Amino acid sequence: AIGQFMLLRYAQLGFDWDALPRAFEKLGMDYLLLEGMRNISHKEMRKAIMSFKPDYFLVILKDNMPFIKDISHDLKSIGVKVIYWFCDPEHPQQEDLSNVIDFMFLTNKGQIEEYKNAYNLKRVYYMPQGYDPYVQRRLSIKEIYDIGFSGAISDEPLHKTRRELMEAMKNKYQLKIS
């Protein structure tokens, strides 16, 4: 069984990002899809997770960290392994998450040691975000942009190059940043 906490079934830049539920279905796995960004209360999500009793709880998006910390004792009490996939990592603050997260995956290979040290975690691995037509199905909508970018463009030094590239492309192409 897989428990996960993320808004997955949404359309962005003309593609449907419902890859994880479809992959779990294809593998014959049971899963509970919690769309945490749709104003579901933490109390309701906790109740759903505890009654589902997943073996694994896959968490994506840094905004969900407070929720995992709040229910970490409950998850550990029923033997749930917490898997945290951190897309677009920035520089982490020092915080001991060794009793909260069992496995962490990063989309930036160069920061594995930094995250291990900052969060006191032993199992931090590289897992990139990939594009695959099977993963992100094309939706039937009119194309109005030359380039679509989906990702973080913050003031972090890690995103400086992204900002520069987006600005350069904006002058030459129809660009959508989401």
C-alpha atoms as a PDB file:
ATOM      1  CA  ALA A   1       0.000   0.000   0.000  1.00  0.00           C
ATOM      2  CA  ILE A   2       1.222   3.481  -0.757  1.00  0.00           C
ATOM      3  CA  GLY A   3       0.096   6.616   0.999  1.00  0.00           C
ATOM      4  CA  GLN A   4       1.026   9.921  -0.553  1.00  0.00           C
ATOM      5  CA  PHE A   5       0.402  13.579   0.148  1.00  0.00           C
ATOM      6  CA  MET A   6       0.490  15.748  -2.913  1.00  0.00           C
ATOM      7  CA  LEU A   7      -1.715  17.328  -5.511  1.00  0.00           C
ATOM      8  CA  LEU A   8      -1.063  14.991  -8.426  1.00  0.00           C
ATOM      9  CA  ARG A   9      -4.011  15.064 -10.761  1.00  0.00           C
ATOM     10  CA  TYR A  10      -3.665  18.523 -12.225  1.00  0.00           C
ATOM     11  CA  ALA A  11      -2.890  19.957 -15.620  1.00  0.00           C
ATOM     12  CA  GLN A  12       0.058  22.247 -16.119  1.00  0.00           C
ATOM     13  CA  LEU A  13       1.464  23.612 -19.366  1.00  0.00           C
ATOM     14  CA  GLY A  14      -0.649  21.187 -21.394  1.00  0.00           C
ATOM     15  CA  PHE A  15       0.369  17.976 -19.650  1.00  0.00           C
ATOM     16  CA  ASP A  16      -1.415  15.852 -17.049  1.00  0.00           C
ATOM     17  CA  TRP A  17       0.886  15.092 -14.111  1.00  0.00           C
ATOM     18  CA  ASP A  18      -0.891  12.010 -12.796  1.00  0.00           C
ATOM     19  CA  ALA A  19       2.079   9.690 -13.223  1.00  0.00           C
ATOM     20  CA  LEU A  20       2.336   8.254  -9.703  1.00  0.00           C
ATOM     21  CA  PRO A  21      -1.264   7.036  -9.404  1.00  0.00           C
ATOM     22  CA  ARG A  22      -1.068   5.544 -12.902  1.00  0.00           C
ATOM     23  CA  ALA A  23       2.260   3.847 -12.106  1.00  0.00           C
ATOM     24  CA  PHE A  24       0.890   2.386  -8.863  1.00  0.00           C
ATOM     25  CA  GLU A  25      -2.194   1.127 -10.723  1.00  0.00           C
ATOM     26  CA  LYS A  26      -0.053  -0.459 -13.447  1.00  0.00           C
ATOM     27  CA  LEU A  27       2.038  -2.189 -10.770  1.00  0.00           C
ATOM     28  CA  GLY A  28      -1.122  -3.480  -9.086  1.00  0.00           C
ATOM     29  CA  MET A  29      -0.482  -1.508  -5.892  1.00  0.00           C
ATOM     30  CA  ASP A  30      -3.142  -0.093  -3.620  1.00  0.00           C
ATOM     31  CA  TYR A  31      -2.714   3.579  -2.837  1.00  0.00           C
ATOM     32  CA  LEU A  32      -4.449   6.410  -1.090  1.00  0.00           C
ATOM     33  CA  LEU A  33      -4.257   9.678  -2.977  1.00  0.00           C
ATOM     34  CA  LEU A  34      -4.452  12.681  -0.685  1.00  0.00           C
ATOM     35  CA  GLU A  35      -4.589  15.949  -2.524  1.00  0.00           C
ATOM     36  CA  GLY A  36      -3.290  18.128   0.273  1.00  0.00           C
ATOM     37  CA  MET A  37      -3.446  21.359  -1.660  1.00  0.00           C
ATOM     38  CA  ARG A  38      -7.226  21.238  -1.998  1.00  0.00           C
ATOM     39  CA  ASN A  39      -8.058  22.595   1.453  1.00  0.00           C
ATOM     40  CA  ILE A  40      -8.461  19.220   3.123  1.00  0.00           C
ATOM     41  CA  SER A  41      -7.920  19.636   6.849  1.00  0.00           C
ATOM     42  CA  HIS A  42      -4.888  17.986   8.403  1.00  0.00           C
ATOM     43  CA  LYS A  43      -7.220  16.230  10.826  1.00  0.00           C
ATOM     44  CA  GLU A  44      -9.137  14.632   7.924  1.00  0.00           C
ATOM     45  CA  MET A  45      -5.908  13.609   6.169  1.00  0.00           C
ATOM     46  CA  ARG A  46      -4.478  12.113   9.356  1.00  0.00           C
ATOM     47  CA  LYS A  47      -7.681  10.127   9.883  1.00  0.00           C
ATOM     48  CA  ALA A  48      -7.615   8.831   6.276  1.00  0.00           C
ATOM     49  CA  ILE A  49      -3.948   7.827   6.517  1.00  0.00           C
ATOM     50  CA  MET A  50      -4.347   6.055   9.857  1.00  0.00           C
ATOM     51  CA  SER A  51      -7.375   4.072   8.634  1.00  0.00           C
ATOM     52  CA  PHE A  52      -5.624   3.182   5.344  1.00  0.00           C
ATOM     53  CA  LYS A  53      -2.492   2.016   7.240  1.00  0.00           C
ATOM     54  CA  PRO A  54      -0.014   2.420   4.369  1.00  0.00           C
ATOM     55  CA  ASP A  55       3.345   0.695   4.327  1.00  0.00           C
ATOM     56  CA  TYR A  56       4.881   3.793   2.778  1.00  0.00           C
ATOM     57  CA  PHE A  57       3.949   7.461   2.854  1.00  0.00           C
ATOM     58  CA  LEU A  58       5.321   9.373  -0.132  1.00  0.00           C
ATOM     59  CA  VAL A  59       5.510  13.112   0.428  1.00  0.00           C
ATOM     60  CA  ILE A  60       6.364  15.653  -2.224  1.00  0.00           C
ATOM     61  CA  LEU A  61       6.637  19.423  -1.879  1.00  0.00           C
ATOM     62  CA  LYS A  62       8.356  21.236   0.966  1.00  0.00           C
ATOM     63  CA  ASP A  63       5.089  22.905   1.995  1.00  0.00           C
ATOM     64  CA  ASN A  64       4.004  19.551   3.408  1.00  0.00           C
ATOM     65  CA  MET A  65       6.848  19.236   5.929  1.00  0.00           C
ATOM     66  CA  PRO A  66       4.872  20.687   8.890  1.00  0.00           C
ATOM     67  CA  PHE A  67       2.133  18.102   8.340  1.00  0.00           C
ATOM     68  CA  ILE A  68       4.556  15.158   8.286  1.00  0.00           C
ATOM     69  CA  LYS A  69       6.225  16.407  11.446  1.00  0.00           C
ATOM     70  CA  ASP A  70       2.811  16.742  13.135  1.00  0.00           C
ATOM     71  CA  ILE A  71       1.828  13.152  12.385  1.00  0.00           C
ATOM     72  CA  SER A  72       5.271  11.491  12.462  1.00  0.00           C
ATOM     73  CA  HIS A  73       4.651   9.808  15.850  1.00  0.00           C
ATOM     74  CA  ASP A  74       1.344   8.374  14.568  1.00  0.00           C
ATOM     75  CA  LEU A  75       3.021   7.084  11.399  1.00  0.00           C
ATOM     76  CA  LYS A  76       5.863   5.453  13.338  1.00  0.00           C
ATOM     77  CA  SER A  77       3.368   3.835  15.751  1.00  0.00           C
ATOM     78  CA  ILE A  78       1.862   1.808  12.867  1.00  0.00           C
ATOM     79  CA  GLY A  79       5.197   1.135  11.119  1.00  0.00           C
ATOM     80  CA  VAL A  80       4.849   3.494   8.160  1.00  0.00           C
ATOM     81  CA  LYS A  81       8.055   4.371   6.301  1.00  0.00           C
ATOM     82  CA  VAL A  82       8.122   8.033   5.251  1.00  0.00           C
ATOM     83  CA  ILE A  83       9.636   8.778   1.860  1.00  0.00           C
ATOM     84  CA  TYR A  84      10.225  12.427   1.087  1.00  0.00           C
ATOM     85  CA  TRP A  85      10.999  13.507  -2.483  1.00  0.00           C
ATOM     86  CA  PHE A  86      12.347  17.049  -2.492  1.00  0.00           C
ATOM     87  CA  CYS A  87      12.051  18.651  -5.921  1.00  0.00           C
ATOM     88  CA  ASP A  88      13.881  21.907  -6.536  1.00  0.00           C
ATOM     89  CA  PRO A  89      15.848  21.822  -3.282  1.00  0.00           C
ATOM     90  CA  GLU A  90      17.308  24.993  -1.869  1.00  0.00           C
ATOM     91  CA  HIS A  91      19.783  25.179   1.013  1.00  0.00           C
ATOM     92  CA  PRO A  92      18.324  23.381   4.046  1.00  0.00           C
ATOM     93  CA  GLN A  93      18.142  24.800   7.562  1.00  0.00           C
ATOM     94  CA  GLN A  94      19.705  22.693  10.338  1.00  0.00           C
ATOM     95  CA  GLU A  95      16.984  20.446  11.764  1.00  0.00           C
ATOM     96  CA  ASP A  96      17.022  16.862  13.024  1.00  0.00           C
ATOM     97  CA  LEU A  97      14.495  14.936  10.929  1.00  0.00           C
ATOM     98  CA  SER A  98      15.928  11.486  11.648  1.00  0.00           C
ATOM     99  CA  ASN A  99      12.767  10.466  13.537  1.00  0.00           C
ATOM    100  CA  VAL A 100      10.483  11.878  10.837  1.00  0.00           C
ATOM    101  CA  ILE A 101      11.886  10.821   7.435  1.00  0.00           C
ATOM    102  CA  ASP A 102      13.151   7.344   6.550  1.00  0.00           C
ATOM    103  CA  PHE A 103      14.280   8.027   2.982  1.00  0.00           C
ATOM    104  CA  MET A 104      14.849  11.319   1.185  1.00  0.00           C
ATOM    105  CA  PHE A 105      15.287  11.818  -2.540  1.00  0.00           C
ATOM    106  CA  LEU A 106      16.645  15.018  -4.097  1.00  0.00           C
ATOM    107  CA  THR A 107      16.510  16.295  -7.649  1.00  0.00           C
ATOM    108  CA  ASN A 108      19.944  17.868  -7.178  1.00  0.00           C
ATOM    109  CA  LYS A 109      22.737  15.295  -6.933  1.00  0.00           C
ATOM    110  CA  GLY A 110      25.239  17.888  -5.713  1.00  0.00           C
ATOM    111  CA  GLN A 111      23.370  18.512  -2.450  1.00  0.00           C
ATOM    112  CA  ILE A 112      23.119  14.976  -1.060  1.00  0.00           C
ATOM    113  CA  GLU A 113      25.791  15.457   1.625  1.00  0.00           C
ATOM    114  CA  GLU A 114      24.435  18.903   2.523  1.00  0.00           C
ATOM    115  CA  TYR A 115      20.971  17.416   3.200  1.00  0.00           C
ATOM    116  CA  LYS A 116      22.330  14.406   5.066  1.00  0.00           C
ATOM    117  CA  ASN A 117      24.225  16.718   7.406  1.00  0.00           C
ATOM    118  CA  ALA A 118      21.542  19.397   7.794  1.00  0.00           C
ATOM    119  CA  TYR A 119      18.710  16.940   8.553  1.00  0.00           C
ATOM    120  CA  ASN A 120      20.732  14.205  10.282  1.00  0.00           C
ATOM    121  CA  LEU A 121      19.650  11.630   7.700  1.00  0.00           C
ATOM    122  CA  LYS A 122      21.610   8.613   6.500  1.00  0.00           C
ATOM    123  CA  ARG A 123      19.479   7.673   3.484  1.00  0.00           C
ATOM    124  CA  VAL A 124      19.450  10.591   1.043  1.00  0.00           C
ATOM    125  CA  TYR A 125      19.545   9.673  -2.646  1.00  0.00           C
ATOM    126  CA  TYR A 126      19.423  11.311  -6.059  1.00  0.00           C
ATOM    127  CA  MET A 127      16.200  10.971  -8.063  1.00  0.00           C
ATOM    128  CA  PRO A 128      15.757  13.436 -10.930  1.00  0.00           C
ATOM    129  CA  GLN A 129      12.504  14.681 -12.340  1.00  0.00           C
ATOM    130  CA  GLY A 130      12.235  13.296 -15.795  1.00  0.00           C
ATOM    131  CA  TYR A 131       9.989  13.872 -18.726  1.00  0.00           C
ATOM    132  CA  ASP A 132       8.350  10.980 -20.439  1.00  0.00           C
ATOM    133  CA  PRO A 133       5.222  10.999 -22.623  1.00  0.00           C
ATOM    134  CA  TYR A 134       3.937   8.047 -20.561  1.00  0.00           C
ATOM    135  CA  VAL A 135       4.402   9.982 -17.323  1.00  0.00           C
ATOM    136  CA  GLN A 136       3.041  13.318 -18.490  1.00  0.00           C
ATOM    137  CA  ARG A 137       0.301  12.742 -21.035  1.00  0.00           C
ATOM    138  CA  ARG A 138      -0.366  15.528 -23.488  1.00  0.00           C
ATOM    139  CA  LEU A 139      -3.758  17.171 -23.112  1.00  0.00           C
ATOM    140  CA  SER A 140      -5.814  18.268 -26.117  1.00  0.00           C
ATOM    141  CA  ILE A 141      -5.399  22.025 -25.821  1.00  0.00           C
ATOM    142  CA  LYS A 142      -4.266  24.676 -28.262  1.00  0.00           C
ATOM    143  CA  GLU A 143      -0.552  25.452 -28.066  1.00  0.00           C
ATOM    144  CA  ILE A 144       0.043  29.161 -27.560  1.00  0.00           C
ATOM    145  CA  TYR A 145       3.609  29.161 -26.191  1.00  0.00           C
ATOM    146  CA  ASP A 146       6.939  28.181 -27.751  1.00  0.00           C
ATOM    147  CA  ILE A 147       8.414  27.198 -24.377  1.00  0.00           C
ATOM    148  CA  GLY A 148       6.849  26.190 -21.090  1.00  0.00           C
ATOM    149  CA  PHE A 149       8.813  26.131 -17.845  1.00  0.00           C
ATOM    150  CA  SER A 150       7.458  24.581 -14.682  1.00  0.00           C
ATOM    151  CA  GLY A 151       9.635  25.009 -11.609  1.00  0.00           C
ATOM    152  CA  ALA A 152      11.001  27.335  -8.998  1.00  0.00           C
ATOM    153  CA  ILE A 153      12.598  30.643  -9.840  1.00  0.00           C
ATOM    154  CA  SER A 154      13.378  32.084  -6.434  1.00  0.00           C
ATOM    155  CA  ASP A 155      15.978  34.496  -5.136  1.00  0.00           C
ATOM    156  CA  GLU A 156      18.130  31.537  -4.063  1.00  0.00           C
ATOM    157  CA  PRO A 157      21.602  31.469  -5.649  1.00  0.00           C
ATOM    158  CA  LEU A 158      20.734  27.998  -6.987  1.00  0.00           C
ATOM    159  CA  HIS A 159      18.096  29.568  -9.245  1.00  0.00           C
ATOM    160  CA  LYS A 160      20.224  32.470 -10.546  1.00  0.00           C
ATOM    161  CA  THR A 161      21.015  30.676 -13.804  1.00  0.00           C
ATOM    162  CA  ARG A 162      17.365  29.763 -14.272  1.00  0.00           C
ATOM    163  CA  ARG A 163      16.314  33.391 -13.931  1.00  0.00           C
ATOM    164  CA  GLU A 164      18.958  34.491 -16.423  1.00  0.00           C
ATOM    165  CA  LEU A 165      17.944  31.825 -18.944  1.00  0.00           C
ATOM    166  CA  MET A 166      14.244  32.616 -18.607  1.00  0.00           C
ATOM    167  CA  GLU A 167      14.903  36.331 -19.164  1.00  0.00           C
ATOM    168  CA  ALA A 168      17.012  35.585 -22.255  1.00  0.00           C
ATOM    169  CA  MET A 169      14.353  33.283 -23.722  1.00  0.00           C
ATOM    170  CA  LYS A 170      11.526  35.719 -22.930  1.00  0.00           C
ATOM    171  CA  ASN A 171      13.043  38.201 -25.402  1.00  0.00           C
ATOM    172  CA  LYS A 172      13.007  35.712 -28.272  1.00  0.00           C
ATOM    173  CA  TYR A 173      10.146  33.243 -27.610  1.00  0.00           C
ATOM    174  CA  GLN A 174       6.595  33.098 -26.314  1.00  0.00           C
ATOM    175  CA  LEU A 175       7.365  31.802 -22.817  1.00  0.00           C
ATOM    176  CA  LYS A 176       5.037  30.567 -20.077  1.00  0.00           C
ATOM    177  CA  ILE A 177       6.489  30.234 -16.575  1.00  0.00           C
ATOM    178  CA  SER A 178       4.408  28.305 -14.085  1.00  0.00           C
END
